[in-house]
Amino acid sequence: MKAKALNLLLVTIISTLIFSCKDDGPSEPDLTPQQQQSQKLKTTWVTKSFVAPDGVEDDYSNFRITFNTNDASTTGGGSFSTTNGGALFASSGSWSFNGTSTSQISISQNNAAATGITILSVNDSQLRMEVNAPDPNQRVESIFGKYTFTMEKQ
């Protein structure tokens, strides 16, 4: 009698395991590192603090940048828009990662000095980035140098 009860219990457990292990359909594809970083950047960021190069008097305390992404791209990138970007940033432009990097970003914009961004860190609430304004012989001399921004998600 004990053997029948044990067999019945064993059949019940095995049946439960077999029927509970079903395919949930196709899974989401894994995101590339650049897509993952793009998703972290994809929002509006407002200035918490900034450090400008010596001699620069521009005030970027009200600067904000919105990164939009091209979700179809496996290499990240997209467009951006800004407010209070001073001479560093135009009101809009495009951005892309440099090669396979997830921290080096090239930006393309008209009539503004910044050409690149280095992501120092980014999480769900804060972005730290360094913005490069190139050599003064090529652009506006009064804003030459590297700027470090600590931004908060709006």
C-alpha atoms as a PDB file:
ATOM      1  CA  MET A   1       0.000   0.000   0.000  1.00  0.00           C
ATOM      2  CA  LYS A   2       2.849   2.339   0.830  1.00  0.00           C
ATOM      3  CA  ALA A   3       4.443   1.567  -2.535  1.00  0.00           C
ATOM      4  CA  LYS A   4       1.239   2.542  -4.411  1.00  0.00           C
ATOM      5  CA  ALA A   5       0.968   5.802  -2.476  1.00  0.00           C
ATOM      6  CA  LEU A   6       4.627   6.583  -3.096  1.00  0.00           C
ATOM      7  CA  ASN A   7       4.259   5.810  -6.829  1.00  0.00           C
ATOM      8  CA  LEU A   8       1.140   7.989  -7.038  1.00  0.00           C
ATOM      9  CA  LEU A   9       2.942  10.831  -5.276  1.00  0.00           C
ATOM     10  CA  LEU A  10       5.943  10.477  -7.599  1.00  0.00           C
ATOM     11  CA  VAL A  11       3.723  10.502 -10.717  1.00  0.00           C
ATOM     12  CA  THR A  12       1.906  13.589  -9.431  1.00  0.00           C
ATOM     13  CA  ILE A  13       5.158  15.472  -8.797  1.00  0.00           C
ATOM     14  CA  ILE A  14       6.624  14.552 -12.189  1.00  0.00           C
ATOM     15  CA  SER A  15       3.381  15.487 -13.971  1.00  0.00           C
ATOM     16  CA  THR A  16       3.281  18.832 -12.198  1.00  0.00           C
ATOM     17  CA  LEU A  17       6.866  19.573 -13.191  1.00  0.00           C
ATOM     18  CA  ILE A  18       6.311  18.596 -16.819  1.00  0.00           C
ATOM     19  CA  PHE A  19       3.173  20.717 -17.241  1.00  0.00           C
ATOM     20  CA  SER A  20       4.588  23.729 -15.392  1.00  0.00           C
ATOM     21  CA  CYS A  21       7.649  23.896 -17.657  1.00  0.00           C
ATOM     22  CA  LYS A  22       6.096  25.396 -20.749  1.00  0.00           C
ATOM     23  CA  ASP A  23       7.575  27.743 -23.318  1.00  0.00           C
ATOM     24  CA  ASP A  24       6.614  31.362 -22.645  1.00  0.00           C
ATOM     25  CA  GLY A  25       7.100  32.317 -26.286  1.00  0.00           C
ATOM     26  CA  PRO A  26       9.934  34.251 -27.843  1.00  0.00           C
ATOM     27  CA  SER A  27      12.116  36.177 -25.428  1.00  0.00           C
ATOM     28  CA  GLU A  28      13.294  39.733 -25.937  1.00  0.00           C
ATOM     29  CA  PRO A  29      16.642  39.894 -27.712  1.00  0.00           C
ATOM     30  CA  ASP A  30      19.601  40.851 -25.565  1.00  0.00           C
ATOM     31  CA  LEU A  31      20.551  44.512 -25.895  1.00  0.00           C
ATOM     32  CA  THR A  32      24.051  45.467 -27.003  1.00  0.00           C
ATOM     33  CA  PRO A  33      26.139  47.429 -24.474  1.00  0.00           C
ATOM     34  CA  GLN A  34      25.569  50.577 -26.544  1.00  0.00           C
ATOM     35  CA  GLN A  35      21.788  50.013 -26.575  1.00  0.00           C
ATOM     36  CA  GLN A  36      21.859  49.542 -22.807  1.00  0.00           C
ATOM     37  CA  GLN A  37      23.812  52.781 -22.346  1.00  0.00           C
ATOM     38  CA  SER A  38      21.472  54.587 -24.779  1.00  0.00           C
ATOM     39  CA  GLN A  39      18.489  53.529 -22.681  1.00  0.00           C
ATOM     40  CA  LYS A  40      20.143  55.012 -19.573  1.00  0.00           C
ATOM     41  CA  LEU A  41      20.798  58.301 -21.403  1.00  0.00           C
ATOM     42  CA  LYS A  42      17.334  58.522 -22.997  1.00  0.00           C
ATOM     43  CA  THR A  43      15.708  61.251 -20.885  1.00  0.00           C
ATOM     44  CA  THR A  44      16.004  64.928 -19.995  1.00  0.00           C
ATOM     45  CA  TRP A  45      18.919  65.840 -17.724  1.00  0.00           C
ATOM     46  CA  VAL A  46      19.202  69.123 -15.788  1.00  0.00           C
ATOM     47  CA  THR A  47      22.350  70.658 -14.333  1.00  0.00           C
ATOM     48  CA  LYS A  48      23.015  69.962 -10.684  1.00  0.00           C
ATOM     49  CA  SER A  49      26.549  71.388 -10.835  1.00  0.00           C
ATOM     50  CA  PHE A  50      29.241  72.171 -13.392  1.00  0.00           C
ATOM     51  CA  VAL A  51      32.912  73.028 -13.510  1.00  0.00           C
ATOM     52  CA  ALA A  52      34.076  75.227 -16.365  1.00  0.00           C
ATOM     53  CA  PRO A  53      37.645  75.824 -17.557  1.00  0.00           C
ATOM     54  CA  ASP A  54      39.540  78.736 -16.000  1.00  0.00           C
ATOM     55  CA  GLY A  55      38.517  82.071 -17.447  1.00  0.00           C
ATOM     56  CA  VAL A  56      35.136  80.912 -18.739  1.00  0.00           C
ATOM     57  CA  GLU A  57      32.351  83.109 -17.454  1.00  0.00           C
ATOM     58  CA  ASP A  58      29.387  81.399 -19.120  1.00  0.00           C
ATOM     59  CA  ASP A  59      26.797  80.144 -16.664  1.00  0.00           C
ATOM     60  CA  TYR A  60      25.457  76.661 -17.372  1.00  0.00           C
ATOM     61  CA  SER A  61      23.499  76.260 -14.129  1.00  0.00           C
ATOM     62  CA  ASN A  62      20.197  76.191 -16.094  1.00  0.00           C
ATOM     63  CA  PHE A  63      21.486  73.952 -18.869  1.00  0.00           C
ATOM     64  CA  ARG A  64      19.402  70.910 -19.776  1.00  0.00           C
ATOM     65  CA  ILE A  65      19.858  68.259 -22.410  1.00  0.00           C
ATOM     66  CA  THR A  66      17.454  65.630 -23.707  1.00  0.00           C
ATOM     67  CA  PHE A  67      18.897  62.556 -25.371  1.00  0.00           C
ATOM     68  CA  ASN A  68      16.605  60.759 -27.798  1.00  0.00           C
ATOM     69  CA  THR A  69      17.605  57.384 -29.171  1.00  0.00           C
ATOM     70  CA  ASN A  70      17.228  55.485 -32.377  1.00  0.00           C
ATOM     71  CA  ASP A  71      15.804  52.303 -30.840  1.00  0.00           C
ATOM     72  CA  ALA A  72      16.265  50.374 -34.089  1.00  0.00           C
ATOM     73  CA  SER A  73      20.025  50.930 -34.042  1.00  0.00           C
ATOM     74  CA  THR A  74      22.230  48.258 -32.485  1.00  0.00           C
ATOM     75  CA  THR A  75      24.992  50.827 -31.970  1.00  0.00           C
ATOM     76  CA  GLY A  76      22.987  53.443 -30.062  1.00  0.00           C
ATOM     77  CA  GLY A  77      22.897  57.122 -30.866  1.00  0.00           C
ATOM     78  CA  GLY A  78      20.137  59.454 -31.935  1.00  0.00           C
ATOM     79  CA  SER A  79      19.277  63.112 -31.560  1.00  0.00           C
ATOM     80  CA  PHE A  80      19.506  65.592 -28.718  1.00  0.00           C
ATOM     81  CA  SER A  81      17.937  68.909 -27.803  1.00  0.00           C
ATOM     82  CA  THR A  82      19.082  71.497 -25.289  1.00  0.00           C
ATOM     83  CA  THR A  83      18.028  74.651 -23.511  1.00  0.00           C
ATOM     84  CA  ASN A  84      20.449  77.210 -22.109  1.00  0.00           C
ATOM     85  CA  GLY A  85      23.354  75.519 -23.889  1.00  0.00           C
ATOM     86  CA  GLY A  86      25.267  78.777 -24.318  1.00  0.00           C
ATOM     87  CA  ALA A  87      28.072  78.615 -26.862  1.00  0.00           C
ATOM     88  CA  LEU A  88      28.709  74.922 -26.120  1.00  0.00           C
ATOM     89  CA  PHE A  89      25.489  73.445 -27.456  1.00  0.00           C
ATOM     90  CA  ALA A  90      23.113  74.304 -30.269  1.00  0.00           C
ATOM     91  CA  SER A  91      19.411  73.824 -29.552  1.00  0.00           C
ATOM     92  CA  SER A  92      19.527  70.450 -31.324  1.00  0.00           C
ATOM     93  CA  GLY A  93      21.838  68.019 -33.024  1.00  0.00           C
ATOM     94  CA  SER A  94      22.715  64.359 -33.290  1.00  0.00           C
ATOM     95  CA  TRP A  95      24.905  62.041 -31.259  1.00  0.00           C
ATOM     96  CA  SER A  96      26.567  58.665 -31.695  1.00  0.00           C
ATOM     97  CA  PHE A  97      28.980  56.472 -29.816  1.00  0.00           C
ATOM     98  CA  ASN A  98      32.585  56.438 -31.042  1.00  0.00           C
ATOM     99  CA  GLY A  99      33.131  52.944 -32.410  1.00  0.00           C
ATOM    100  CA  THR A 100      32.230  50.327 -29.819  1.00  0.00           C
ATOM    101  CA  SER A 101      32.658  52.677 -26.861  1.00  0.00           C
ATOM    102  CA  THR A 102      29.816  53.250 -24.394  1.00  0.00           C
ATOM    103  CA  SER A 103      31.465  56.288 -22.825  1.00  0.00           C
ATOM    104  CA  GLN A 104      32.788  58.306 -25.778  1.00  0.00           C
ATOM    105  CA  ILE A 105      30.137  60.216 -27.731  1.00  0.00           C
ATOM    106  CA  SER A 106      30.516  62.355 -30.848  1.00  0.00           C
ATOM    107  CA  ILE A 107      28.030  65.137 -31.322  1.00  0.00           C
ATOM    108  CA  SER A 108      27.112  66.892 -34.519  1.00  0.00           C
ATOM    109  CA  GLN A 109      25.605  70.359 -34.307  1.00  0.00           C
ATOM    110  CA  ASN A 110      25.699  73.686 -36.113  1.00  0.00           C
ATOM    111  CA  ASN A 111      27.372  76.811 -34.744  1.00  0.00           C
ATOM    112  CA  ALA A 112      28.314  75.466 -31.321  1.00  0.00           C
ATOM    113  CA  ALA A 113      31.656  74.561 -29.805  1.00  0.00           C
ATOM    114  CA  ALA A 114      31.209  71.154 -28.195  1.00  0.00           C
ATOM    115  CA  THR A 115      32.289  68.206 -30.326  1.00  0.00           C
ATOM    116  CA  GLY A 116      32.401  65.351 -27.872  1.00  0.00           C
ATOM    117  CA  ILE A 117      31.068  64.043 -24.593  1.00  0.00           C
ATOM    118  CA  THR A 118      32.705  61.579 -22.250  1.00  0.00           C
ATOM    119  CA  ILE A 119      30.268  59.760 -19.992  1.00  0.00           C
ATOM    120  CA  LEU A 120      31.980  59.561 -16.608  1.00  0.00           C
ATOM    121  CA  SER A 121      29.038  57.745 -15.008  1.00  0.00           C
ATOM    122  CA  VAL A 122      25.313  57.303 -15.542  1.00  0.00           C
ATOM    123  CA  ASN A 123      22.598  55.583 -13.529  1.00  0.00           C
ATOM    124  CA  ASP A 124      18.837  55.898 -13.121  1.00  0.00           C
ATOM    125  CA  SER A 125      19.039  59.339 -11.516  1.00  0.00           C
ATOM    126  CA  GLN A 126      22.381  60.980 -12.306  1.00  0.00           C
ATOM    127  CA  LEU A 127      24.656  61.616 -15.286  1.00  0.00           C
ATOM    128  CA  ARG A 128      28.239  62.853 -14.935  1.00  0.00           C
ATOM    129  CA  MET A 129      29.767  63.948 -18.214  1.00  0.00           C
ATOM    130  CA  GLU A 130      32.737  65.844 -19.516  1.00  0.00           C
ATOM    131  CA  VAL A 131      32.171  68.068 -22.538  1.00  0.00           C
ATOM    132  CA  ASN A 132      35.033  69.022 -24.809  1.00  0.00           C
ATOM    133  CA  ALA A 133      35.223  72.380 -26.586  1.00  0.00           C
ATOM    134  CA  PRO A 134      38.095  72.024 -29.070  1.00  0.00           C
ATOM    135  CA  ASP A 135      41.214  74.060 -29.722  1.00  0.00           C
ATOM    136  CA  PRO A 136      40.590  77.832 -29.743  1.00  0.00           C
ATOM    137  CA  ASN A 137      42.249  78.197 -33.132  1.00  0.00           C
ATOM    138  CA  GLN A 138      39.362  76.248 -34.605  1.00  0.00           C
ATOM    139  CA  ARG A 139      36.452  77.603 -32.587  1.00  0.00           C
ATOM    140  CA  VAL A 140      35.391  80.278 -30.109  1.00  0.00           C
ATOM    141  CA  GLU A 141      38.420  81.054 -27.890  1.00  0.00           C
ATOM    142  CA  SER A 142      36.513  82.160 -24.796  1.00  0.00           C
ATOM    143  CA  ILE A 143      35.006  78.714 -24.232  1.00  0.00           C
ATOM    144  CA  PHE A 144      37.975  76.433 -24.973  1.00  0.00           C
ATOM    145  CA  GLY A 145      38.497  73.496 -22.630  1.00  0.00           C
ATOM    146  CA  LYS A 146      36.729  70.702 -20.818  1.00  0.00           C
ATOM    147  CA  TYR A 147      33.566  71.177 -18.810  1.00  0.00           C
ATOM    148  CA  THR A 148      32.379  68.685 -16.222  1.00  0.00           C
ATOM    149  CA  PHE A 149      28.644  68.468 -15.619  1.00  0.00           C
ATOM    150  CA  THR A 150      26.754  66.600 -12.944  1.00  0.00           C
ATOM    151  CA  MET A 151      23.219  66.249 -14.204  1.00  0.00           C
ATOM    152  CA  GLU A 152      20.025  64.962 -12.586  1.00  0.00           C
ATOM    153  CA  LYS A 153      17.150  63.250 -14.316  1.00  0.00           C
ATOM    154  CA  GLN A 154      14.232  65.633 -14.693  1.00  0.00           C
END
